[in-house]
Amino acid sequence: MALTEVKVIDKIEVVERGHIQVREATRIMKDGEQIAQTYHRWSYAPGSDISEQPANVQAIAAAAWTPEVIAAYQASVEAAQAKLGE
């Protein structure tokens, strides 16, 4: 009986305002058959440093984060900060 742990990024989503959500599945395998699974999620705002992420996450970001998307996101953040400062 061999137990192994396998981690895979099984979902990458682009959501409102260009945020990228990443889901990593940790699968516990027993003799090659999955017996358990858990998830860990994280997200990135447009223009974030994703240089440490796998190539598939970087490719999605490169496609989704156009200069227009990054500029619109930054403008929305600045507007929200200005509103908080009032």
PDB file of N, CA and C in Angstrom:
ATOM      1  N   MET A   1       0.846  -1.170   0.000  1.00  0.00           N
ATOM      2  CA  MET A   1       0.000   0.000   0.000  1.00  0.00           C
ATOM      3  C   MET A   1       0.898   1.242   0.000  1.00  0.00           C
ATOM      4  N   ALA A   2       0.890   1.959  -1.124  1.00  0.00           N
ATOM      5  CA  ALA A   2       1.697   3.167  -1.238  1.00  0.00           C
ATOM      6  C   ALA A   2       0.796   4.392  -1.248  1.00  0.00           C
ATOM      7  N   LEU A   3       1.050   5.302  -0.297  1.00  0.00           N
ATOM      8  CA  LEU A   3       0.332   6.568  -0.253  1.00  0.00           C
ATOM      9  C   LEU A   3       1.224   7.656  -0.831  1.00  0.00           C
ATOM     10  N   THR A   4       0.654   8.456  -1.721  1.00  0.00           N
ATOM     11  CA  THR A   4       1.398   9.568  -2.299  1.00  0.00           C
ATOM     12  C   THR A   4       0.525  10.816  -2.279  1.00  0.00           C
ATOM     13  N   GLU A   5       1.187  11.966  -2.320  1.00  0.00           N
ATOM     14  CA  GLU A   5       0.501  13.250  -2.363  1.00  0.00           C
ATOM     15  C   GLU A   5       0.871  13.932  -3.670  1.00  0.00           C
ATOM     16  N   VAL A   6      -0.143  14.369  -4.402  1.00  0.00           N
ATOM     17  CA  VAL A   6       0.065  15.026  -5.685  1.00  0.00           C
ATOM     18  C   VAL A   6      -0.602  16.395  -5.622  1.00  0.00           C
ATOM     19  N   LYS A   7       0.142  17.457  -6.003  1.00  0.00           N
ATOM     20  CA  LYS A   7      -0.418  18.805  -6.055  1.00  0.00           C
ATOM     21  C   LYS A   7      -0.488  19.245  -7.507  1.00  0.00           C
ATOM     22  N   VAL A   8      -1.667  19.725  -7.912  1.00  0.00           N
ATOM     23  CA  VAL A   8      -1.865  20.220  -9.269  1.00  0.00           C
ATOM     24  C   VAL A   8      -2.707  21.490  -9.228  1.00  0.00           C
ATOM     25  N   ILE A   9      -2.415  22.399 -10.122  1.00  0.00           N
ATOM     26  CA  ILE A   9      -3.288  23.554 -10.298  1.00  0.00           C
ATOM     27  C   ILE A   9      -4.387  23.078 -11.235  1.00  0.00           C
ATOM     28  N   ASP A  10      -5.602  22.989 -10.687  1.00  0.00           N
ATOM     29  CA  ASP A  10      -6.680  22.409 -11.477  1.00  0.00           C
ATOM     30  C   ASP A  10      -7.702  23.435 -11.956  1.00  0.00           C
ATOM     31  N   LYS A  11      -7.545  24.696 -11.546  1.00  0.00           N
ATOM     32  CA  LYS A  11      -8.480  25.716 -12.015  1.00  0.00           C
ATOM     33  C   LYS A  11      -7.804  27.078 -11.997  1.00  0.00           C
ATOM     34  N   ILE A  12      -7.959  27.793 -13.115  1.00  0.00           N
ATOM     35  CA  ILE A  12      -7.492  29.177 -13.228  1.00  0.00           C
ATOM     36  C   ILE A  12      -8.654  29.955 -13.823  1.00  0.00           C
ATOM     37  N   GLU A  13      -9.101  30.983 -13.105  1.00  0.00           N
ATOM     38  CA  GLU A  13     -10.241  31.765 -13.562  1.00  0.00           C
ATOM     39  C   GLU A  13      -9.883  33.244 -13.625  1.00  0.00           C
ATOM     40  N   VAL A  14     -10.434  33.926 -14.613  1.00  0.00           N
ATOM     41  CA  VAL A  14     -10.337  35.374 -14.681  1.00  0.00           C
ATOM     42  C   VAL A  14     -11.724  35.898 -14.332  1.00  0.00           C
ATOM     43  N   VAL A  15     -11.791  36.719 -13.297  1.00  0.00           N
ATOM     44  CA  VAL A  15     -13.080  37.233 -12.831  1.00  0.00           C
ATOM     45  C   VAL A  15     -13.127  38.748 -12.975  1.00  0.00           C
ATOM     46  N   GLU A  16     -14.181  39.322 -12.445  1.00  0.00           N
ATOM     47  CA  GLU A  16     -14.449  40.753 -12.581  1.00  0.00           C
ATOM     48  C   GLU A  16     -13.212  41.622 -12.350  1.00  0.00           C
ATOM     49  N   ARG A  17     -13.066  42.636 -13.174  1.00  0.00           N
ATOM     50  CA  ARG A  17     -11.955  43.597 -13.132  1.00  0.00           C
ATOM     51  C   ARG A  17     -10.603  42.955 -13.382  1.00  0.00           C
ATOM     52  N   GLY A  18     -10.575  41.738 -13.930  1.00  0.00           N
ATOM     53  CA  GLY A  18      -9.323  41.108 -14.329  1.00  0.00           C
ATOM     54  C   GLY A  18      -8.590  40.310 -13.275  1.00  0.00           C
ATOM     55  N   HIS A  19      -9.166  40.154 -12.087  1.00  0.00           N
ATOM     56  CA  HIS A  19      -8.508  39.337 -11.064  1.00  0.00           C
ATOM     57  C   HIS A  19      -8.382  37.893 -11.558  1.00  0.00           C
ATOM     58  N   ILE A  20      -7.266  37.284 -11.214  1.00  0.00           N
ATOM     59  CA  ILE A  20      -7.045  35.872 -11.554  1.00  0.00           C
ATOM     60  C   ILE A  20      -7.098  35.066 -10.272  1.00  0.00           C
ATOM     61  N   GLN A  21      -7.942  34.042 -10.280  1.00  0.00           N
ATOM     62  CA  GLN A  21      -8.059  33.137  -9.142  1.00  0.00           C
ATOM     63  C   GLN A  21      -7.439  31.793  -9.526  1.00  0.00           C
ATOM     64  N   VAL A  22      -6.656  31.258  -8.626  1.00  0.00           N
ATOM     65  CA  VAL A  22      -5.963  29.994  -8.871  1.00  0.00           C
ATOM     66  C   VAL A  22      -6.382  29.004  -7.791  1.00  0.00           C
ATOM     67  N   ARG A  23      -6.693  27.780  -8.218  1.00  0.00           N
ATOM     68  CA  ARG A  23      -7.021  26.736  -7.247  1.00  0.00           C
ATOM     69  C   ARG A  23      -6.031  25.585  -7.420  1.00  0.00           C
ATOM     70  N   GLU A  24      -5.440  25.190  -6.306  1.00  0.00           N
ATOM     71  CA  GLU A  24      -4.523  24.055  -6.290  1.00  0.00           C
ATOM     72  C   GLU A  24      -5.192  22.909  -5.541  1.00  0.00           C
ATOM     73  N   ALA A  25      -5.216  21.748  -6.155  1.00  0.00           N
ATOM     74  CA  ALA A  25      -5.770  20.559  -5.523  1.00  0.00           C
ATOM     75  C   ALA A  25      -4.623  19.707  -4.985  1.00  0.00           C
ATOM     76  N   THR A  26      -4.761  19.281  -3.749  1.00  0.00           N
ATOM     77  CA  THR A  26      -3.821  18.325  -3.171  1.00  0.00           C
ATOM     78  C   THR A  26      -4.554  16.996  -3.105  1.00  0.00           C
ATOM     79  N   ARG A  27      -4.061  16.030  -3.829  1.00  0.00           N
ATOM     80  CA  ARG A  27      -4.719  14.728  -3.927  1.00  0.00           C
ATOM     81  C   ARG A  27      -3.893  13.669  -3.212  1.00  0.00           C
ATOM     82  N   ILE A  28      -4.545  12.909  -2.380  1.00  0.00           N
ATOM     83  CA  ILE A  28      -3.914  11.785  -1.710  1.00  0.00           C
ATOM     84  C   ILE A  28      -4.268  10.533  -2.502  1.00  0.00           C
ATOM     85  N   MET A  29      -3.236   9.844  -2.925  1.00  0.00           N
ATOM     86  CA  MET A  29      -3.416   8.665  -3.765  1.00  0.00           C
ATOM     87  C   MET A  29      -2.986   7.414  -3.001  1.00  0.00           C
ATOM     88  N   LYS A  30      -3.766   6.377  -3.143  1.00  0.00           N
ATOM     89  CA  LYS A  30      -3.430   5.073  -2.557  1.00  0.00           C
ATOM     90  C   LYS A  30      -3.364   4.070  -3.693  1.00  0.00           C
ATOM     91  N   ASP A  31      -2.173   3.575  -3.929  1.00  0.00           N
ATOM     92  CA  ASP A  31      -1.942   2.624  -5.020  1.00  0.00           C
ATOM     93  C   ASP A  31      -2.489   3.152  -6.349  1.00  0.00           C
ATOM     94  N   GLY A  32      -2.255   4.460  -6.609  1.00  0.00           N
ATOM     95  CA  GLY A  32      -2.664   5.057  -7.866  1.00  0.00           C
ATOM     96  C   GLY A  32      -4.114   5.513  -7.926  1.00  0.00           C
ATOM     97  N   GLU A  33      -4.870   5.301  -6.882  1.00  0.00           N
ATOM     98  CA  GLU A  33      -6.280   5.699  -6.860  1.00  0.00           C
ATOM     99  C   GLU A  33      -6.481   6.823  -5.844  1.00  0.00           C
ATOM    100  N   GLN A  34      -7.188   7.857  -6.244  1.00  0.00           N
ATOM    101  CA  GLN A  34      -7.417   9.001  -5.361  1.00  0.00           C
ATOM    102  C   GLN A  34      -8.355   8.620  -4.220  1.00  0.00           C
ATOM    103  N   ILE A  35      -7.919   8.911  -2.983  1.00  0.00           N
ATOM    104  CA  ILE A  35      -8.764   8.609  -1.826  1.00  0.00           C
ATOM    105  C   ILE A  35      -9.176   9.870  -1.068  1.00  0.00           C
ATOM    106  N   ALA A  36      -8.535  11.004  -1.338  1.00  0.00           N
ATOM    107  CA  ALA A  36      -8.888  12.262  -0.672  1.00  0.00           C
ATOM    108  C   ALA A  36      -8.380  13.422  -1.506  1.00  0.00           C
ATOM    109  N   GLN A  37      -9.010  14.577  -1.282  1.00  0.00           N
ATOM    110  CA  GLN A  37      -8.596  15.779  -2.007  1.00  0.00           C
ATOM    111  C   GLN A  37      -8.959  17.012  -1.192  1.00  0.00           C
ATOM    112  N   THR A  38      -8.039  17.983  -1.155  1.00  0.00           N
ATOM    113  CA  THR A  38      -8.307  19.276  -0.531  1.00  0.00           C
ATOM    114  C   THR A  38      -7.888  20.360  -1.511  1.00  0.00           C
ATOM    115  N   TYR A  39      -8.344  21.587  -1.241  1.00  0.00           N
ATOM    116  CA  TYR A  39      -8.056  22.701  -2.130  1.00  0.00           C
ATOM    117  C   TYR A  39      -7.422  23.863  -1.373  1.00  0.00           C
ATOM    118  N   HIS A  40      -6.599  24.597  -2.092  1.00  0.00           N
ATOM    119  CA  HIS A  40      -6.027  25.847  -1.597  1.00  0.00           C
ATOM    120  C   HIS A  40      -6.216  26.850  -2.727  1.00  0.00           C
ATOM    121  N   ARG A  41      -6.691  28.051  -2.389  1.00  0.00           N
ATOM    122  CA  ARG A  41      -6.950  29.059  -3.411  1.00  0.00           C
ATOM    123  C   ARG A  41      -6.205  30.356  -3.100  1.00  0.00           C
ATOM    124  N   TRP A  42      -5.879  31.078  -4.146  1.00  0.00           N
ATOM    125  CA  TRP A  42      -5.314  32.410  -3.995  1.00  0.00           C
ATOM    126  C   TRP A  42      -5.671  33.207  -5.240  1.00  0.00           C
ATOM    127  N   SER A  43      -5.496  34.529  -5.159  1.00  0.00           N
ATOM    128  CA  SER A  43      -5.843  35.370  -6.302  1.00  0.00           C
ATOM    129  C   SER A  43      -4.819  36.479  -6.487  1.00  0.00           C
ATOM    130  N   TYR A  44      -4.841  37.050  -7.696  1.00  0.00           N
ATOM    131  CA  TYR A  44      -3.926  38.123  -8.057  1.00  0.00           C
ATOM    132  C   TYR A  44      -4.696  39.237  -8.742  1.00  0.00           C
ATOM    133  N   ALA A  45      -4.383  40.466  -8.379  1.00  0.00           N
ATOM    134  CA  ALA A  45      -4.965  41.638  -9.029  1.00  0.00           C
ATOM    135  C   ALA A  45      -4.190  41.923 -10.316  1.00  0.00           C
ATOM    136  N   PRO A  46      -4.835  42.562 -11.284  1.00  0.00           N
ATOM    137  CA  PRO A  46      -4.139  42.904 -12.528  1.00  0.00           C
ATOM    138  C   PRO A  46      -2.843  43.664 -12.260  1.00  0.00           C
ATOM    139  N   GLY A  47      -1.784  43.224 -12.922  1.00  0.00           N
ATOM    140  CA  GLY A  47      -0.482  43.858 -12.780  1.00  0.00           C
ATOM    141  C   GLY A  47       0.378  43.318 -11.654  1.00  0.00           C
ATOM    142  N   SER A  48      -0.130  42.331 -10.886  1.00  0.00           N
ATOM    143  CA  SER A  48       0.647  41.748  -9.786  1.00  0.00           C
ATOM    144  C   SER A  48       1.860  41.000 -10.320  1.00  0.00           C
ATOM    145  N   ASP A  49       2.852  40.853  -9.470  1.00  0.00           N
ATOM    146  CA  ASP A  49       4.042  40.070  -9.817  1.00  0.00           C
ATOM    147  C   ASP A  49       3.689  38.590  -9.683  1.00  0.00           C
ATOM    148  N   ILE A  50       3.658  37.907 -10.803  1.00  0.00           N
ATOM    149  CA  ILE A  50       3.342  36.470 -10.790  1.00  0.00           C
ATOM    150  C   ILE A  50       4.519  35.651 -11.321  1.00  0.00           C
ATOM    151  N   SER A  51       5.701  36.214 -11.243  1.00  0.00           N
ATOM    152  CA  SER A  51       6.883  35.555 -11.806  1.00  0.00           C
ATOM    153  C   SER A  51       7.195  34.219 -11.139  1.00  0.00           C
ATOM    154  N   GLU A  52       6.717  34.007  -9.931  1.00  0.00           N
ATOM    155  CA  GLU A  52       6.972  32.748  -9.229  1.00  0.00           C
ATOM    156  C   GLU A  52       5.899  31.695  -9.510  1.00  0.00           C
ATOM    157  N   GLN A  53       4.887  32.060 -10.281  1.00  0.00           N
ATOM    158  CA  GLN A  53       3.792  31.139 -10.569  1.00  0.00           C
ATOM    159  C   GLN A  53       4.136  30.248 -11.761  1.00  0.00           C
ATOM    160  N   PRO A  54       3.454  29.107 -11.878  1.00  0.00           N
ATOM    161  CA  PRO A  54       3.702  28.220 -13.018  1.00  0.00           C
ATOM    162  C   PRO A  54       3.380  28.900 -14.350  1.00  0.00           C
ATOM    163  N   ALA A  55       3.920  28.344 -15.415  1.00  0.00           N
ATOM    164  CA  ALA A  55       3.785  28.922 -16.751  1.00  0.00           C
ATOM    165  C   ALA A  55       2.330  29.063 -17.183  1.00  0.00           C
ATOM    166  N   ASN A  56       1.456  28.131 -16.795  1.00  0.00           N
ATOM    167  CA  ASN A  56       0.063  28.242 -17.228  1.00  0.00           C
ATOM    168  C   ASN A  56      -0.635  29.435 -16.583  1.00  0.00           C
ATOM    169  N   VAL A  57      -0.316  29.752 -15.346  1.00  0.00           N
ATOM    170  CA  VAL A  57      -0.882  30.932 -14.685  1.00  0.00           C
ATOM    171  C   VAL A  57      -0.332  32.198 -15.347  1.00  0.00           C
ATOM    172  N   GLN A  58       0.943  32.220 -15.635  1.00  0.00           N
ATOM    173  CA  GLN A  58       1.549  33.375 -16.295  1.00  0.00           C
ATOM    174  C   GLN A  58       0.954  33.602 -17.684  1.00  0.00           C
ATOM    175  N   ALA A  59       0.665  32.521 -18.404  1.00  0.00           N
ATOM    176  CA  ALA A  59       0.088  32.654 -19.744  1.00  0.00           C
ATOM    177  C   ALA A  59      -1.321  33.244 -19.687  1.00  0.00           C
ATOM    178  N   ILE A  60      -2.114  32.822 -18.729  1.00  0.00           N
ATOM    179  CA  ILE A  60      -3.461  33.376 -18.569  1.00  0.00           C
ATOM    180  C   ILE A  60      -3.367  34.864 -18.228  1.00  0.00           C
ATOM    181  N   ALA A  61      -2.469  35.217 -17.317  1.00  0.00           N
ATOM    182  CA  ALA A  61      -2.295  36.620 -16.939  1.00  0.00           C
ATOM    183  C   ALA A  61      -1.854  37.454 -18.143  1.00  0.00           C
ATOM    184  N   ALA A  62      -0.935  36.928 -18.935  1.00  0.00           N
ATOM    185  CA  ALA A  62      -0.449  37.670 -20.104  1.00  0.00           C
ATOM    186  C   ALA A  62      -1.592  37.943 -21.083  1.00  0.00           C
ATOM    187  N   ALA A  63      -2.510  37.003 -21.210  1.00  0.00           N
ATOM    188  CA  ALA A  63      -3.642  37.185 -22.120  1.00  0.00           C
ATOM    189  C   ALA A  63      -4.699  38.120 -21.534  1.00  0.00           C
ATOM    190  N   ALA A  64      -4.954  37.996 -20.244  1.00  0.00           N
ATOM    191  CA  ALA A  64      -6.043  38.760 -19.610  1.00  0.00           C
ATOM    192  C   ALA A  64      -5.644  40.173 -19.212  1.00  0.00           C
ATOM    193  N   TRP A  65      -4.408  40.363 -18.822  1.00  0.00           N
ATOM    194  CA  TRP A  65      -3.975  41.652 -18.293  1.00  0.00           C
ATOM    195  C   TRP A  65      -3.432  42.558 -19.392  1.00  0.00           C
ATOM    196  N   THR A  66      -4.323  43.033 -20.206  1.00  0.00           N
ATOM    197  CA  THR A  66      -3.931  44.005 -21.223  1.00  0.00           C
ATOM    198  C   THR A  66      -3.599  45.322 -20.528  1.00  0.00           C
ATOM    199  N   PRO A  67      -2.897  46.216 -21.193  1.00  0.00           N
ATOM    200  CA  PRO A  67      -2.628  47.518 -20.579  1.00  0.00           C
ATOM    201  C   PRO A  67      -3.919  48.238 -20.162  1.00  0.00           C
ATOM    202  N   GLU A  68      -4.985  48.055 -20.931  1.00  0.00           N
ATOM    203  CA  GLU A  68      -6.266  48.686 -20.602  1.00  0.00           C
ATOM    204  C   GLU A  68      -6.865  48.113 -19.320  1.00  0.00           C
ATOM    205  N   VAL A  69      -6.775  46.800 -19.156  1.00  0.00           N
ATOM    206  CA  VAL A  69      -7.311  46.146 -17.948  1.00  0.00           C
ATOM    207  C   VAL A  69      -6.530  46.609 -16.717  1.00  0.00           C
ATOM    208  N   ILE A  70      -5.217  46.653 -16.826  1.00  0.00           N
ATOM    209  CA  ILE A  70      -4.382  47.082 -15.694  1.00  0.00           C
ATOM    210  C   ILE A  70      -4.679  48.544 -15.348  1.00  0.00           C
ATOM    211  N   ALA A  71      -4.781  49.394 -16.358  1.00  0.00           N
ATOM    212  CA  ALA A  71      -5.061  50.813 -16.113  1.00  0.00           C
ATOM    213  C   ALA A  71      -6.435  51.005 -15.471  1.00  0.00           C
ATOM    214  N   ALA A  72      -7.443  50.265 -15.944  1.00  0.00           N
ATOM    215  CA  ALA A  72      -8.790  50.377 -15.365  1.00  0.00           C
ATOM    216  C   ALA A  72      -8.790  49.900 -13.916  1.00  0.00           C
ATOM    217  N   TYR A  73      -8.065  48.832 -13.636  1.00  0.00           N
ATOM    218  CA  TYR A  73      -7.999  48.337 -12.257  1.00  0.00           C
ATOM    219  C   TYR A  73      -7.310  49.373 -11.355  1.00  0.00           C
ATOM    220  N   GLN A  74      -6.183  49.902 -11.808  1.00  0.00           N
ATOM    221  CA  GLN A  74      -5.466  50.895 -11.010  1.00  0.00           C
ATOM    222  C   GLN A  74      -6.319  52.138 -10.777  1.00  0.00           C
ATOM    223  N   ALA A  75      -7.079  52.554 -11.782  1.00  0.00           N
ATOM    224  CA  ALA A  75      -7.962  53.715 -11.628  1.00  0.00           C
ATOM    225  C   ALA A  75      -9.056  53.433 -10.604  1.00  0.00           C
ATOM    226  N   SER A  76      -9.585  52.200 -10.604  1.00  0.00           N
ATOM    227  CA  SER A  76     -10.636  51.865  -9.632  1.00  0.00           C
ATOM    228  C   SER A  76     -10.080  51.824  -8.212  1.00  0.00           C
ATOM    229  N   VAL A  77      -8.854  51.376  -8.061  1.00  0.00           N
ATOM    230  CA  VAL A  77      -8.219  51.355  -6.735  1.00  0.00           C
ATOM    231  C   VAL A  77      -7.987  52.790  -6.253  1.00  0.00           C
ATOM    232  N   GLU A  78      -7.489  53.627  -7.129  1.00  0.00           N
ATOM    233  CA  GLU A  78      -7.243  55.028  -6.761  1.00  0.00           C
ATOM    234  C   GLU A  78      -8.550  55.742  -6.404  1.00  0.00           C
ATOM    235  N   ALA A  79      -9.616  55.454  -7.147  1.00  0.00           N
ATOM    236  CA  ALA A  79     -10.912  56.066  -6.842  1.00  0.00           C
ATOM    237  C   ALA A  79     -11.437  55.610  -5.491  1.00  0.00           C
ATOM    238  N   ALA A  80     -11.270  54.334  -5.194  1.00  0.00           N
ATOM    239  CA  ALA A  80     -11.714  53.804  -3.902  1.00  0.00           C
ATOM    240  C   ALA A  80     -10.905  54.420  -2.751  1.00  0.00           C
ATOM    241  N   GLN A  81      -9.595  54.571  -2.954  1.00  0.00           N
ATOM    242  CA  GLN A  81      -8.752  55.189  -1.931  1.00  0.00           C
ATOM    243  C   GLN A  81      -9.122  56.648  -1.728  1.00  0.00           C
ATOM    244  N   ALA A  82      -9.424  57.359  -2.792  1.00  0.00           N
ATOM    245  CA  ALA A  82      -9.822  58.763  -2.698  1.00  0.00           C
ATOM    246  C   ALA A  82     -11.141  58.885  -1.935  1.00  0.00           C
ATOM    247  N   LYS A  83     -12.052  57.971  -2.209  1.00  0.00           N
ATOM    248  CA  LYS A  83     -13.350  57.991  -1.534  1.00  0.00           C
ATOM    249  C   LYS A  83     -13.179  57.731  -0.034  1.00  0.00           C
ATOM    250  N   LEU A  84     -12.274  56.837   0.325  1.00  0.00           N
ATOM    251  CA  LEU A  84     -12.009  56.547   1.737  1.00  0.00           C
ATOM    252  C   LEU A  84     -11.368  57.755   2.427  1.00  0.00           C
ATOM    253  N   GLY A  85     -10.594  58.518   1.673  1.00  0.00           N
ATOM    254  CA  GLY A  85      -9.914  59.669   2.236  1.00  0.00           C
ATOM    255  C   GLY A  85     -10.825  60.870   2.455  1.00  0.00           C
ATOM    256  N   GLU A  86     -12.027  60.836   1.901  1.00  0.00           N
ATOM    257  CA  GLU A  86     -12.965  61.972   2.063  1.00  0.00           C
ATOM    258  C   GLU A  86     -13.479  62.080   3.467  1.00  0.00           C
TER     259      GLU A  86
END
